[in-house]
Amino acid sequence: MIQTFKYKITFILITSIILLLCAIWVISIGTVNTPLNNLPYLLFGDIADTEQTLRNLLLNIRIPRVLLAMVAGAVTAVAGVIMQALFRNPLAEPGLMGISSGASLGAVIAIVLLGSGFIMITTFAFTGSLVATLFAYLIGKRFGHSAGLLLAGIAINAISFSIIGLFTYMANDHQLRDLIFWSMGSLATSSWTILLFLIPWSFILLSILSFQWRSLNALLLGEREVIHLGFNIKNLRRHLILSVALLVGPLVAITGGINFIGLVVPHIMRMILGANHKYLIPASMLGGALLLLGADTLARTLISPAELPVGLLTSLIGGPFFLYLLLSHKQNN
């Protein structure tokens, strides 16, 4: 037991150090590469006027983008952990309850009908994610078990994507480009203004969910066992769904669709550390942050100075992994 505990803590600490080192290294990478040993001087030193542009690039573009990648990756991965525990299924992910599709529908309405800017799009996307999750929950709770929530989420996703398809058909060329880029996901909207809201919001919700590790462990035993252990299953389910919606909704509204992080990372961490959520949640935070940071670095450097949508790269990683999960799940059954 002690050796297992030491192994898990050591793994989390090493992953934290790797994430920190990668974040520092990634700040120096881009269209204009910066030697690592010059970073302290450029960020904090008495620079010449000719270097002011590079300092602004680092402070106002690269560092906010790195931080947004880490926050987005951590949030999406933890949301995947919660959904997989709630449905007791390693194939579950945050979009299952209609959060992502509702946000996409809200954004599409804002782009096509209102021709809105970033603030209105994010507002509509966040509202759409909450409304879709609310409908899925209200419909699913009538069944009294998690399978009902799953079926309701699938129905809400189908309806949302059908309406999205209709609005996409109505969009003009300019709106269509915005829709395609937003739906594929991007961290190009990163800024200190966004981070000043997103980081405290995410930290509070992630902290709340981290303290739910005992109830998440109980969920793995089955809903009857949860009741026998003294948990109120209805309140627990409602609390978890609301937390995931409030956690993922603002993120999807800002970054668009970034898929498979919430599916891939929890499964990898579960294979390494086991199913105890006391360690699985912090490990998934770190793993999600590391994976999305790497994917975003590739997205902005592979075809530099142009940029790939980061959601496209995460799908290329997650798609084959999802097939692996399906095949292994079938073999286990």
Protein backbone atom coordinates (compact mmCIF):
# COMPACT_ATOMS: atom_id res chain seq x y z
CA MET A 1 0.00 0.00 0.00
CA ILE A 2 2.81 2.42 0.93
CA GLN A 3 4.72 1.58 -2.24
CA THR A 4 1.58 2.15 -4.33
CA PHE A 5 0.96 5.48 -2.61
CA LYS A 6 4.58 6.56 -3.18
CA TYR A 7 4.40 5.50 -6.82
CA LYS A 8 1.24 7.53 -7.45
CA ILE A 9 2.52 10.63 -5.69
CA THR A 10 5.87 10.36 -7.48
CA PHE A 11 4.12 10.02 -10.84
CA ILE A 12 2.00 13.12 -10.18
CA LEU A 13 5.03 15.14 -9.07
CA ILE A 14 7.10 14.08 -12.08
CA THR A 15 4.22 14.91 -14.43
CA SER A 16 3.91 18.33 -12.78
CA ILE A 17 7.62 19.03 -13.36
CA ILE A 18 7.40 17.86 -16.98
CA LEU A 19 4.38 20.12 -17.56
CA LEU A 20 6.19 23.13 -16.08
CA LEU A 21 9.31 22.52 -18.17
CA CYS A 22 7.26 21.99 -21.34
CA ALA A 23 5.31 25.20 -20.71
CA ILE A 24 8.55 27.20 -20.41
CA TRP A 25 9.97 25.58 -23.53
CA VAL A 26 6.78 26.11 -25.55
CA ILE A 27 6.80 29.85 -24.77
CA SER A 28 10.02 30.13 -26.77
CA ILE A 29 8.62 28.31 -29.82
CA GLY A 30 6.74 29.99 -32.66
CA THR A 31 7.12 31.84 -35.92
CA VAL A 32 9.89 33.76 -34.15
CA ASN A 33 11.90 31.35 -32.00
CA THR A 34 13.45 32.67 -28.81
CA PRO A 35 16.42 30.98 -27.10
CA LEU A 36 15.45 29.73 -23.67
CA ASN A 37 18.35 31.49 -21.98
CA ASN A 38 17.05 34.82 -23.34
CA LEU A 39 13.55 34.44 -21.86
CA PRO A 40 14.30 35.96 -18.41
CA TYR A 41 15.98 38.96 -20.04
CA LEU A 42 13.17 39.51 -22.56
CA LEU A 43 10.45 39.17 -19.94
CA PHE A 44 11.98 41.01 -16.99
CA GLY A 45 15.16 42.75 -18.16
CA ASP A 46 15.85 46.28 -19.32
CA ILE A 47 15.35 45.68 -23.03
CA ALA A 48 16.08 47.90 -26.00
CA ASP A 49 13.27 49.55 -27.98
CA THR A 50 13.88 47.13 -30.85
CA GLU A 51 13.06 44.20 -28.54
CA GLN A 52 9.78 45.62 -27.24
CA THR A 53 7.79 43.89 -29.98
CA LEU A 54 9.22 40.52 -28.97
CA ARG A 55 8.40 41.17 -25.32
CA ASN A 56 4.81 42.05 -26.26
CA LEU A 57 4.63 38.86 -28.32
CA LEU A 58 5.72 36.77 -25.33
CA LEU A 59 3.65 38.55 -22.69
CA ASN A 60 0.41 39.14 -24.59
CA ILE A 61 0.22 36.24 -27.03
CA ARG A 62 2.36 33.23 -26.17
CA ILE A 63 2.10 33.14 -22.37
CA PRO A 64 -1.70 33.63 -22.34
CA ARG A 65 -2.04 30.95 -25.00
CA VAL A 66 0.11 28.49 -23.05
CA LEU A 67 -1.93 29.14 -19.90
CA LEU A 68 -5.22 28.75 -21.80
CA ALA A 69 -4.01 25.45 -23.28
CA MET A 70 -3.15 24.12 -19.82
CA VAL A 71 -6.43 25.26 -18.25
CA ALA A 72 -8.51 23.95 -21.17
CA GLY A 73 -6.73 20.61 -21.15
CA ALA A 74 -7.10 20.20 -17.38
CA VAL A 75 -10.79 21.15 -17.42
CA THR A 76 -11.69 18.88 -20.33
CA ALA A 77 -9.82 15.91 -18.86
CA VAL A 78 -11.45 16.24 -15.43
CA ALA A 79 -14.86 16.60 -17.05
CA GLY A 80 -14.14 13.32 -18.82
CA VAL A 81 -13.23 11.67 -15.51
CA ILE A 82 -16.55 12.79 -13.99
CA MET A 83 -18.63 11.61 -16.93
CA GLN A 84 -16.91 8.22 -17.05
CA ALA A 85 -17.54 7.73 -13.34
CA LEU A 86 -21.14 8.90 -13.61
CA PHE A 87 -21.97 6.51 -16.44
CA ARG A 88 -19.48 3.82 -15.33
CA ASN A 89 -18.24 3.67 -18.90
CA PRO A 90 -14.71 4.43 -20.18
CA LEU A 91 -16.22 5.58 -23.49
CA ALA A 92 -18.10 8.50 -21.91
CA GLU A 93 -16.86 12.05 -22.48
CA PRO A 94 -17.99 15.62 -21.68
CA GLY A 95 -20.05 16.11 -24.85
CA LEU A 96 -22.33 13.23 -23.93
CA MET A 97 -24.83 15.45 -22.09
CA GLY A 98 -25.18 17.95 -24.93
CA ILE A 99 -22.76 20.49 -23.46
CA SER A 100 -20.60 20.81 -26.58
CA SER A 101 -23.44 20.55 -29.09
CA GLY A 102 -25.51 23.11 -27.15
CA ALA A 103 -22.56 25.51 -27.11
CA SER A 104 -22.04 24.95 -30.83
CA LEU A 105 -25.70 25.66 -31.53
CA GLY A 106 -25.57 28.89 -29.50
CA ALA A 107 -22.46 30.01 -31.36
CA VAL A 108 -23.98 29.17 -34.74
CA ILE A 109 -27.10 31.18 -33.93
CA ALA A 110 -24.97 34.16 -32.93
CA ILE A 111 -22.81 33.96 -36.06
CA VAL A 112 -25.54 33.35 -38.64
CA LEU A 113 -28.50 35.32 -37.28
CA LEU A 114 -26.78 38.15 -35.43
CA GLY A 115 -23.43 38.41 -37.21
CA SER A 116 -21.98 38.93 -33.75
CA GLY A 117 -18.47 39.42 -32.47
CA PHE A 118 -16.52 37.34 -29.99
CA ILE A 119 -18.35 38.47 -26.83
CA MET A 120 -21.81 37.73 -28.20
CA ILE A 121 -20.70 34.40 -29.66
CA THR A 122 -19.23 33.24 -26.35
CA THR A 123 -22.33 34.42 -24.46
CA PHE A 124 -24.66 32.52 -26.77
CA ALA A 125 -22.40 29.46 -26.71
CA PHE A 126 -22.32 29.36 -22.90
CA THR A 127 -26.08 29.84 -22.71
CA GLY A 128 -26.59 27.09 -25.29
CA SER A 129 -24.45 24.65 -23.32
CA LEU A 130 -26.43 25.26 -20.12
CA VAL A 131 -29.83 25.02 -21.85
CA ALA A 132 -28.90 21.78 -23.63
CA THR A 133 -27.59 20.23 -20.41
CA LEU A 134 -30.73 21.33 -18.53
CA PHE A 135 -33.00 19.72 -21.11
CA ALA A 136 -30.95 16.51 -21.10
CA TYR A 137 -31.09 16.36 -17.31
CA LEU A 138 -34.83 17.10 -17.05
CA ILE A 139 -35.62 14.42 -19.62
CA GLY A 140 -33.10 11.88 -18.33
CA LYS A 141 -34.09 12.10 -14.65
CA ARG A 142 -37.55 10.73 -15.51
CA PHE A 143 -35.90 7.34 -16.03
CA GLY A 144 -34.32 7.33 -12.56
CA HIS A 145 -30.96 5.94 -13.71
CA SER A 146 -27.86 7.04 -15.62
CA ALA A 147 -28.90 5.26 -18.80
CA GLY A 148 -31.80 7.69 -19.09
CA LEU A 149 -29.38 10.62 -18.94
CA LEU A 150 -27.28 9.01 -21.62
CA LEU A 151 -30.24 8.53 -23.96
CA ALA A 152 -31.46 12.07 -23.34
CA GLY A 153 -28.00 13.43 -24.07
CA ILE A 154 -27.84 11.52 -27.34
CA ALA A 155 -31.24 12.91 -28.34
CA ILE A 156 -30.24 16.49 -27.47
CA ASN A 157 -27.01 16.09 -29.45
CA ALA A 158 -28.92 14.82 -32.48
CA ILE A 159 -31.40 17.71 -32.37
CA SER A 160 -28.66 20.30 -31.85
CA PHE A 161 -26.54 19.03 -34.73
CA SER A 162 -29.59 18.94 -37.01
CA ILE A 163 -30.33 22.60 -36.27
CA ILE A 164 -26.62 23.42 -36.67
CA GLY A 165 -26.72 21.79 -40.09
CA LEU A 166 -29.72 23.93 -41.03
CA PHE A 167 -28.00 27.17 -39.98
CA THR A 168 -24.80 26.10 -41.72
CA TYR A 169 -26.78 25.69 -44.92
CA MET A 170 -28.15 29.23 -44.47
CA ALA A 171 -24.75 30.82 -43.79
CA ASN A 172 -22.91 32.94 -46.32
CA ASP A 173 -19.27 32.36 -47.24
CA HIS A 174 -17.85 34.61 -44.52
CA GLN A 175 -20.08 33.11 -41.82
CA LEU A 176 -19.29 29.62 -43.06
CA ARG A 177 -15.55 30.18 -42.58
CA ASP A 178 -16.17 31.40 -39.04
CA LEU A 179 -18.37 28.39 -38.29
CA ILE A 180 -15.87 25.87 -39.61
CA PHE A 181 -12.91 27.39 -37.76
CA TRP A 182 -14.88 27.71 -34.50
CA SER A 183 -16.23 24.16 -34.69
CA MET A 184 -12.71 22.75 -35.11
CA GLY A 185 -11.45 24.50 -31.99
CA SER A 186 -8.72 27.06 -31.52
CA LEU A 187 -6.81 28.75 -28.70
CA ALA A 188 -6.07 31.83 -30.80
CA THR A 189 -8.59 33.86 -28.78
CA SER A 190 -6.41 33.65 -25.66
CA SER A 191 -5.91 36.87 -23.71
CA TRP A 192 -5.28 38.00 -20.16
CA THR A 193 -8.88 39.23 -19.95
CA ILE A 194 -10.21 35.76 -20.67
CA LEU A 195 -7.74 34.13 -18.30
CA LEU A 196 -8.63 36.48 -15.43
CA PHE A 197 -12.14 35.05 -15.60
CA LEU A 198 -11.43 31.48 -16.66
CA ILE A 199 -8.61 30.56 -14.24
CA PRO A 200 -10.41 31.45 -10.96
CA TRP A 201 -13.68 29.97 -12.27
CA SER A 202 -12.00 26.71 -13.27
CA PHE A 203 -9.92 26.54 -10.08
CA ILE A 204 -13.02 26.79 -7.87
CA LEU A 205 -14.98 24.14 -9.77
CA LEU A 206 -12.00 21.78 -10.10
CA SER A 207 -11.38 22.08 -6.36
CA ILE A 208 -15.01 21.24 -5.61
CA LEU A 209 -14.91 18.21 -7.90
CA SER A 210 -11.60 17.05 -6.45
CA PHE A 211 -13.20 16.75 -3.02
CA GLN A 212 -15.86 14.48 -4.54
CA TRP A 213 -13.40 11.63 -5.04
CA ARG A 214 -15.08 9.38 -2.45
CA SER A 215 -18.48 9.66 -4.09
CA LEU A 216 -16.92 9.12 -7.53
CA ASN A 217 -15.25 5.96 -6.25
CA ALA A 218 -18.61 4.82 -4.89
CA LEU A 219 -20.26 5.40 -8.28
CA LEU A 220 -17.95 2.80 -9.80
CA LEU A 221 -19.60 0.16 -7.59
CA GLY A 222 -23.08 0.87 -8.94
CA GLU A 223 -25.97 3.12 -8.04
CA ARG A 224 -27.45 0.73 -5.44
CA GLU A 225 -24.11 0.55 -3.65
CA VAL A 226 -23.93 4.36 -3.68
CA ILE A 227 -27.25 4.50 -1.83
CA HIS A 228 -26.14 1.84 0.67
CA LEU A 229 -22.99 3.86 1.38
CA GLY A 230 -25.11 6.83 2.42
CA PHE A 231 -24.94 9.04 -0.69
CA ASN A 232 -28.04 10.64 -2.17
CA ILE A 233 -27.77 9.43 -5.74
CA LYS A 234 -30.17 12.02 -7.19
CA ASN A 235 -28.42 14.95 -5.53
CA LEU A 236 -25.01 13.55 -6.43
CA ARG A 237 -25.96 13.09 -10.07
CA ARG A 238 -27.46 16.58 -10.27
CA HIS A 239 -24.41 18.12 -8.59
CA LEU A 240 -21.95 16.38 -10.92
CA ILE A 241 -23.85 17.24 -14.10
CA LEU A 242 -24.22 20.89 -13.08
CA SER A 243 -20.52 21.10 -12.17
CA VAL A 244 -19.44 19.64 -15.50
CA ALA A 245 -21.76 21.99 -17.41
CA LEU A 246 -20.47 25.05 -15.54
CA LEU A 247 -16.89 23.84 -16.02
CA VAL A 248 -16.99 22.94 -19.71
CA GLY A 249 -19.59 25.47 -20.93
CA PRO A 250 -17.44 28.62 -20.65
CA LEU A 251 -14.45 26.75 -22.07
CA VAL A 252 -16.27 25.53 -25.17
CA ALA A 253 -17.68 29.02 -25.61
CA ILE A 254 -14.14 30.41 -25.75
CA THR A 255 -12.20 27.70 -27.60
CA GLY A 256 -14.82 25.98 -29.73
CA GLY A 257 -14.87 22.22 -30.17
CA ILE A 258 -11.75 20.49 -28.82
CA ASN A 259 -12.58 16.80 -28.79
CA PHE A 260 -11.21 13.59 -27.31
CA ILE A 261 -9.10 15.12 -24.50
CA GLY A 262 -11.81 14.13 -22.05
CA LEU A 263 -11.90 10.62 -23.47
CA VAL A 264 -8.22 9.82 -23.96
CA VAL A 265 -6.54 11.33 -20.89
CA PRO A 266 -8.69 9.76 -18.13
CA HIS A 267 -8.33 6.34 -19.71
CA ILE A 268 -4.53 6.64 -19.93
CA MET A 269 -4.26 7.85 -16.34
CA ARG A 270 -6.57 5.08 -15.16
CA MET A 271 -4.31 2.50 -16.79
CA ILE A 272 -1.27 4.01 -15.03
CA LEU A 273 -2.67 4.85 -11.59
CA GLY A 274 -5.84 2.81 -11.23
CA ALA A 275 -9.42 3.95 -10.69
CA ASN A 276 -9.05 5.75 -7.36
CA HIS A 277 -10.27 9.28 -8.08
CA LYS A 278 -8.17 10.72 -5.26
CA TYR A 279 -5.20 10.37 -7.62
CA LEU A 280 -7.02 10.09 -10.95
CA ILE A 281 -8.42 13.62 -10.87
CA PRO A 282 -5.11 15.51 -10.28
CA ALA A 283 -3.26 13.18 -12.67
CA SER A 284 -5.89 13.82 -15.37
CA MET A 285 -5.59 17.57 -14.83
CA LEU A 286 -1.87 17.37 -15.50
CA GLY A 287 -2.21 14.91 -18.37
CA GLY A 288 -4.91 16.95 -20.07
CA ALA A 289 -2.89 20.14 -19.73
CA LEU A 290 0.20 18.41 -21.13
CA LEU A 291 -1.62 16.82 -24.07
CA LEU A 292 -3.42 19.97 -25.17
CA LEU A 293 -0.28 22.05 -24.72
CA GLY A 294 1.55 19.68 -27.06
CA ALA A 295 -1.31 19.60 -29.58
CA ASP A 296 -1.56 23.40 -29.64
CA THR A 297 2.19 23.75 -30.11
CA LEU A 298 1.95 21.50 -33.15
CA ALA A 299 -1.12 23.37 -34.38
CA ARG A 300 0.69 26.71 -34.48
CA THR A 301 4.09 25.48 -35.71
CA LEU A 302 3.48 22.68 -38.24
CA ILE A 303 2.47 25.02 -41.07
CA SER A 304 3.81 28.28 -39.59
CA PRO A 305 3.03 31.14 -40.12
CA ALA A 306 -0.44 29.68 -40.76
CA GLU A 307 -2.22 27.74 -38.02
CA LEU A 308 -4.11 24.48 -37.83
CA PRO A 309 -7.25 24.18 -35.67
CA VAL A 310 -6.13 22.43 -32.50
CA GLY A 311 -9.36 20.41 -32.37
CA LEU A 312 -8.34 18.85 -35.67
CA LEU A 313 -5.13 17.52 -34.14
CA THR A 314 -6.80 16.25 -30.97
CA SER A 315 -9.31 14.39 -33.14
CA LEU A 316 -6.47 12.85 -35.15
CA ILE A 317 -4.99 11.63 -31.86
CA GLY A 318 -8.26 10.69 -30.21
CA GLY A 319 -9.97 9.00 -33.13
CA PRO A 320 -7.62 5.99 -33.36
CA PHE A 321 -7.52 5.80 -29.55
CA PHE A 322 -11.32 5.74 -29.47
CA LEU A 323 -11.31 2.81 -31.90
CA TYR A 324 -8.85 1.04 -29.60
CA LEU A 325 -11.19 1.60 -26.65
CA LEU A 326 -14.13 0.22 -28.61
CA LEU A 327 -12.22 -2.89 -29.63
CA SER A 328 -10.81 -3.53 -26.16
CA HIS A 329 -14.22 -2.92 -24.57
CA LYS A 330 -15.80 -5.47 -26.89
CA GLN A 331 -13.09 -8.04 -26.10
CA ASN A 332 -13.59 -7.54 -22.35
CA ASN A 333 -17.31 -8.21 -22.73
